[in-house]
Amino acid sequence: MKDHTETVTIDLLGAKRPRGQPPTGCAMTAAERKRLQRERAGLVTFTVELPEDLVEQFNEFLRFKDLTKSAVIEKLIRSQLLRKR
């Protein structure tokens, strides 16, 4: 049994310290981390409504080319809409 006045000796039978970094109480949620990542990268969420058959064809194209939606849309906008005339 440990003497309650003893403060120098460590407790050999006490609970172990849990693994990992101790909690600070101000952890961000996944949504907050993702929002900050988008801000650092300068990205903006852009929503578009398209016909269902067009979306199916677009998804087939993405699987065939092994590209992301963002990459294809960005390339189309840059090459077709923002090109110098």
N, C-alpha and C. Protein backbone atom coordinates (compact mmCIF):
# COMPACT_ATOMS: atom_id res chain seq x y z
N MET A 1 0.83 -1.17 0.00
CA MET A 1 0.00 0.00 0.00
C MET A 1 0.89 1.24 0.00
N LYS A 2 0.46 2.27 -0.70
CA LYS A 2 1.26 3.47 -0.84
C LYS A 2 0.85 4.48 0.23
N ASP A 3 1.88 5.12 0.80
CA ASP A 3 1.62 6.15 1.79
C ASP A 3 1.07 7.39 1.08
N HIS A 4 -0.04 7.93 1.53
CA HIS A 4 -0.68 9.05 0.86
C HIS A 4 0.15 10.33 0.95
N THR A 5 1.14 10.39 1.83
CA THR A 5 1.99 11.58 1.94
C THR A 5 3.21 11.48 1.02
N GLU A 6 3.46 10.31 0.48
CA GLU A 6 4.62 10.10 -0.39
C GLU A 6 4.30 10.63 -1.79
N THR A 7 5.05 11.61 -2.27
CA THR A 7 4.80 12.20 -3.58
C THR A 7 5.96 12.01 -4.55
N VAL A 8 7.06 11.43 -4.08
CA VAL A 8 8.24 11.30 -4.91
C VAL A 8 8.27 9.95 -5.63
N THR A 9 7.87 8.89 -4.99
CA THR A 9 7.92 7.55 -5.54
C THR A 9 6.79 7.35 -6.54
N ILE A 10 7.12 6.75 -7.69
CA ILE A 10 6.08 6.49 -8.67
C ILE A 10 5.31 5.23 -8.29
N ASP A 11 4.09 5.16 -8.72
CA ASP A 11 3.23 4.03 -8.41
C ASP A 11 3.48 2.93 -9.43
N LEU A 12 3.96 1.78 -9.00
CA LEU A 12 4.27 0.68 -9.90
C LEU A 12 3.02 -0.08 -10.32
N LEU A 13 1.97 -0.05 -9.54
CA LEU A 13 0.77 -0.80 -9.82
C LEU A 13 -0.33 0.06 -10.41
N GLY A 14 -0.05 1.32 -10.65
CA GLY A 14 -1.07 2.23 -11.15
C GLY A 14 -1.41 1.98 -12.61
N ALA A 15 -2.36 2.72 -13.10
CA ALA A 15 -2.81 2.58 -14.48
C ALA A 15 -1.75 3.10 -15.43
N LYS A 16 -1.66 2.43 -16.57
CA LYS A 16 -0.72 2.87 -17.60
C LYS A 16 -1.26 4.11 -18.30
N ARG A 17 -0.35 4.89 -18.81
CA ARG A 17 -0.73 6.05 -19.61
C ARG A 17 -1.24 5.53 -20.96
N PRO A 18 -2.37 6.03 -21.45
CA PRO A 18 -2.89 5.54 -22.73
C PRO A 18 -1.97 5.90 -23.90
N ARG A 19 -2.07 5.12 -24.96
CA ARG A 19 -1.24 5.35 -26.14
C ARG A 19 -1.66 6.62 -26.85
N GLY A 20 -0.72 7.18 -27.59
CA GLY A 20 -1.02 8.34 -28.42
C GLY A 20 -0.84 9.66 -27.70
N GLN A 21 -1.12 10.71 -28.43
CA GLN A 21 -0.99 12.05 -27.89
C GLN A 21 -2.16 12.35 -26.97
N PRO A 22 -1.90 13.01 -25.85
CA PRO A 22 -3.01 13.31 -24.94
C PRO A 22 -3.98 14.29 -25.58
N PRO A 23 -5.28 14.14 -25.32
CA PRO A 23 -6.28 15.03 -25.92
C PRO A 23 -6.14 16.45 -25.39
N THR A 24 -6.32 17.43 -26.29
CA THR A 24 -6.24 18.83 -25.90
C THR A 24 -7.61 19.43 -25.65
N GLY A 25 -8.65 18.78 -26.17
CA GLY A 25 -10.00 19.28 -25.98
C GLY A 25 -10.44 20.23 -27.08
N CYS A 26 -9.56 20.52 -28.04
CA CYS A 26 -9.93 21.45 -29.12
C CYS A 26 -9.67 20.80 -30.48
N ALA A 27 -9.95 19.51 -30.60
CA ALA A 27 -9.73 18.80 -31.85
C ALA A 27 -10.75 19.23 -32.90
N MET A 28 -10.30 19.28 -34.17
CA MET A 28 -11.20 19.65 -35.27
C MET A 28 -11.92 18.41 -35.77
N THR A 29 -13.10 18.61 -36.31
CA THR A 29 -13.82 17.52 -36.95
C THR A 29 -13.24 17.30 -38.33
N ALA A 30 -13.59 16.19 -38.96
CA ALA A 30 -13.10 15.89 -40.31
C ALA A 30 -13.55 16.96 -41.30
N ALA A 31 -14.77 17.47 -41.14
CA ALA A 31 -15.29 18.51 -42.04
C ALA A 31 -14.48 19.80 -41.90
N GLU A 32 -14.10 20.14 -40.68
CA GLU A 32 -13.30 21.35 -40.48
C GLU A 32 -11.91 21.20 -41.10
N ARG A 33 -11.30 20.02 -40.94
CA ARG A 33 -9.98 19.79 -41.54
C ARG A 33 -10.05 19.86 -43.06
N LYS A 34 -11.09 19.27 -43.65
CA LYS A 34 -11.25 19.29 -45.11
C LYS A 34 -11.49 20.71 -45.61
N ARG A 35 -12.29 21.50 -44.88
CA ARG A 35 -12.55 22.89 -45.27
C ARG A 35 -11.24 23.69 -45.28
N LEU A 36 -10.42 23.51 -44.26
CA LEU A 36 -9.13 24.21 -44.20
C LEU A 36 -8.20 23.76 -45.33
N GLN A 37 -8.24 22.46 -45.66
CA GLN A 37 -7.42 21.95 -46.76
C GLN A 37 -7.83 22.60 -48.08
N ARG A 38 -9.15 22.72 -48.31
CA ARG A 38 -9.65 23.36 -49.53
C ARG A 38 -9.23 24.83 -49.58
N GLU A 39 -9.31 25.51 -48.45
CA GLU A 39 -8.92 26.92 -48.41
C GLU A 39 -7.44 27.09 -48.73
N ARG A 40 -6.59 26.22 -48.17
CA ARG A 40 -5.15 26.31 -48.45
C ARG A 40 -4.85 26.04 -49.91
N ALA A 41 -5.58 25.11 -50.52
CA ALA A 41 -5.36 24.77 -51.92
C ALA A 41 -6.06 25.74 -52.86
N GLY A 42 -6.91 26.60 -52.34
CA GLY A 42 -7.63 27.55 -53.18
C GLY A 42 -8.76 26.90 -53.98
N LEU A 43 -9.37 25.85 -53.43
CA LEU A 43 -10.44 25.13 -54.11
C LEU A 43 -11.80 25.61 -53.64
N VAL A 44 -12.77 25.57 -54.54
CA VAL A 44 -14.14 25.97 -54.23
C VAL A 44 -15.06 24.85 -54.70
N THR A 45 -16.06 24.52 -53.90
CA THR A 45 -17.04 23.50 -54.28
C THR A 45 -17.99 24.09 -55.31
N PHE A 46 -18.26 23.31 -56.36
CA PHE A 46 -19.06 23.78 -57.49
C PHE A 46 -20.08 22.70 -57.80
N THR A 47 -21.37 22.98 -57.70
CA THR A 47 -22.43 22.00 -57.89
C THR A 47 -23.14 22.27 -59.22
N VAL A 48 -23.39 21.19 -59.98
CA VAL A 48 -24.03 21.30 -61.28
C VAL A 48 -25.13 20.25 -61.37
N GLU A 49 -26.24 20.61 -61.97
CA GLU A 49 -27.32 19.65 -62.22
C GLU A 49 -27.29 19.26 -63.69
N LEU A 50 -27.21 17.96 -63.95
CA LEU A 50 -27.11 17.44 -65.31
C LEU A 50 -28.14 16.35 -65.54
N PRO A 51 -28.50 16.09 -66.81
CA PRO A 51 -29.40 14.98 -67.11
C PRO A 51 -28.75 13.63 -66.73
N GLU A 52 -29.59 12.70 -66.34
CA GLU A 52 -29.11 11.41 -65.84
C GLU A 52 -28.30 10.65 -66.89
N ASP A 53 -28.76 10.63 -68.15
CA ASP A 53 -28.04 9.88 -69.18
C ASP A 53 -26.66 10.49 -69.45
N LEU A 54 -26.54 11.82 -69.35
CA LEU A 54 -25.25 12.47 -69.53
C LEU A 54 -24.28 12.09 -68.41
N VAL A 55 -24.79 12.01 -67.20
CA VAL A 55 -23.95 11.64 -66.05
C VAL A 55 -23.46 10.20 -66.21
N GLU A 56 -24.30 9.30 -66.68
CA GLU A 56 -23.89 7.91 -66.89
C GLU A 56 -22.78 7.83 -67.93
N GLN A 57 -22.94 8.56 -69.02
CA GLN A 57 -21.90 8.58 -70.06
C GLN A 57 -20.60 9.20 -69.53
N PHE A 58 -20.75 10.24 -68.74
CA PHE A 58 -19.58 10.89 -68.14
C PHE A 58 -18.84 9.93 -67.21
N ASN A 59 -19.57 9.18 -66.40
CA ASN A 59 -18.94 8.22 -65.49
C ASN A 59 -18.25 7.09 -66.27
N GLU A 60 -18.83 6.65 -67.38
CA GLU A 60 -18.18 5.65 -68.22
C GLU A 60 -16.87 6.20 -68.79
N PHE A 61 -16.90 7.44 -69.24
CA PHE A 61 -15.69 8.09 -69.76
C PHE A 61 -14.62 8.15 -68.68
N LEU A 62 -15.01 8.50 -67.45
CA LEU A 62 -14.04 8.59 -66.35
C LEU A 62 -13.41 7.24 -66.04
N ARG A 63 -14.23 6.17 -66.07
CA ARG A 63 -13.69 4.83 -65.82
C ARG A 63 -12.74 4.43 -66.94
N PHE A 64 -13.08 4.77 -68.18
CA PHE A 64 -12.25 4.41 -69.33
C PHE A 64 -10.91 5.15 -69.29
N LYS A 65 -10.94 6.44 -68.97
CA LYS A 65 -9.72 7.26 -68.96
C LYS A 65 -8.99 7.23 -67.62
N ASP A 66 -9.62 6.70 -66.58
CA ASP A 66 -9.04 6.65 -65.23
C ASP A 66 -8.65 8.05 -64.75
N LEU A 67 -9.61 8.97 -64.82
CA LEU A 67 -9.42 10.35 -64.39
C LEU A 67 -10.45 10.69 -63.31
N THR A 68 -10.21 11.81 -62.64
CA THR A 68 -11.18 12.28 -61.66
C THR A 68 -12.13 13.28 -62.32
N LYS A 69 -13.30 13.44 -61.72
CA LYS A 69 -14.27 14.40 -62.25
C LYS A 69 -13.70 15.81 -62.25
N SER A 70 -13.02 16.16 -61.17
CA SER A 70 -12.46 17.50 -61.05
C SER A 70 -11.45 17.79 -62.15
N ALA A 71 -10.60 16.81 -62.45
CA ALA A 71 -9.57 17.01 -63.47
C ALA A 71 -10.20 17.22 -64.84
N VAL A 72 -11.21 16.43 -65.18
CA VAL A 72 -11.85 16.54 -66.49
C VAL A 72 -12.60 17.87 -66.63
N ILE A 73 -13.37 18.25 -65.61
CA ILE A 73 -14.12 19.50 -65.66
C ILE A 73 -13.16 20.69 -65.75
N GLU A 74 -12.10 20.65 -64.97
CA GLU A 74 -11.12 21.74 -65.01
C GLU A 74 -10.50 21.88 -66.40
N LYS A 75 -10.13 20.76 -67.00
CA LYS A 75 -9.54 20.80 -68.34
C LYS A 75 -10.53 21.33 -69.37
N LEU A 76 -11.78 20.90 -69.29
CA LEU A 76 -12.80 21.39 -70.22
C LEU A 76 -13.03 22.90 -70.10
N ILE A 77 -13.12 23.37 -68.87
CA ILE A 77 -13.36 24.80 -68.67
C ILE A 77 -12.19 25.62 -69.18
N ARG A 78 -10.97 25.16 -68.87
CA ARG A 78 -9.80 25.90 -69.33
C ARG A 78 -9.66 25.88 -70.84
N SER A 79 -9.88 24.73 -71.46
CA SER A 79 -9.64 24.61 -72.90
C SER A 79 -10.79 25.13 -73.75
N GLN A 80 -12.02 25.02 -73.28
CA GLN A 80 -13.17 25.39 -74.10
C GLN A 80 -13.76 26.75 -73.75
N LEU A 81 -13.84 27.07 -72.51
CA LEU A 81 -14.51 28.31 -72.12
C LEU A 81 -13.56 29.49 -71.89
N LEU A 82 -12.38 29.22 -71.39
CA LEU A 82 -11.47 30.30 -71.03
C LEU A 82 -10.32 30.48 -72.00
N ARG A 83 -10.38 29.84 -73.14
CA ARG A 83 -9.29 29.98 -74.11
C ARG A 83 -9.32 31.36 -74.75
N LYS A 84 -8.17 31.78 -75.22
CA LYS A 84 -8.09 33.09 -75.87
C LYS A 84 -8.72 32.98 -77.26
N ARG A 85 -9.48 33.96 -77.63
CA ARG A 85 -10.17 33.94 -78.91
C ARG A 85 -9.56 34.94 -79.85
